[in-house]
Amino acid sequence: MAMIEKWMWDREMVRIWTWWPLLLSLILTAAFFPTQGTDALYLLFIACFSLMGVIYGFVGKKVKGVMEKASKLPGEAAESLMVIGRIQSPGVVVFKDTEIVLMPIVGETVTVAISDITSVKETGWLNGKKLWGKRGFYLTTPEKKKLGFAVVEEIAVRWSYKLRHAVPEMRFK
């Protein structure tokens, strides 16, 4: 899987977010200390970005826990960034033959029957964020609740095909 297709909570991305700011701040501080003196210590603040890696590490553990639950369900499961109402959360989406299950790490699990979906909008954006190497889907249901999720492009191609053929009268925007 290419680096652009990885989620921020993926183990490799967490390592990058944790170690690079820390190493960069130490190297820059050591390089500038002889000429700048104690003012070079301000460069250690770059190490604060390592907290991003720590936070995404915890998110990654929660996503892995949800993925373990999702793997027991029939269907294809994929890590996802999702929007349910006003809540945006990482989680897992399970695409079954007759329904789509959105399992966020925060909030309630939502199950949508494919027959209840009135339209699907495929997009390269999700909730105002550009999806690099991923594709987003917004689902319109009779309840009019905002439902959206983004998955890796490779999975999105398969799911788009399945959605188009599951309900022929469904509108794609």
Foldseek 3Di string as FASTA:
>chain_A
DDPLQDDCLPPVNLCCQQPPLQVVLVVQLVVCCVPPPPVSNVSNVSNVSNVSSVVSPVLNVLQVVLVVVVVVDPADKFWKFKDWANDTATHMWGDDLFWIWTDGSDDDIDIDGLVQFQEKEKAQDDPHHGRGQKIKIWTQGPVRITIMIIHGPVVVVVVVVSSCPSDVNHYYD
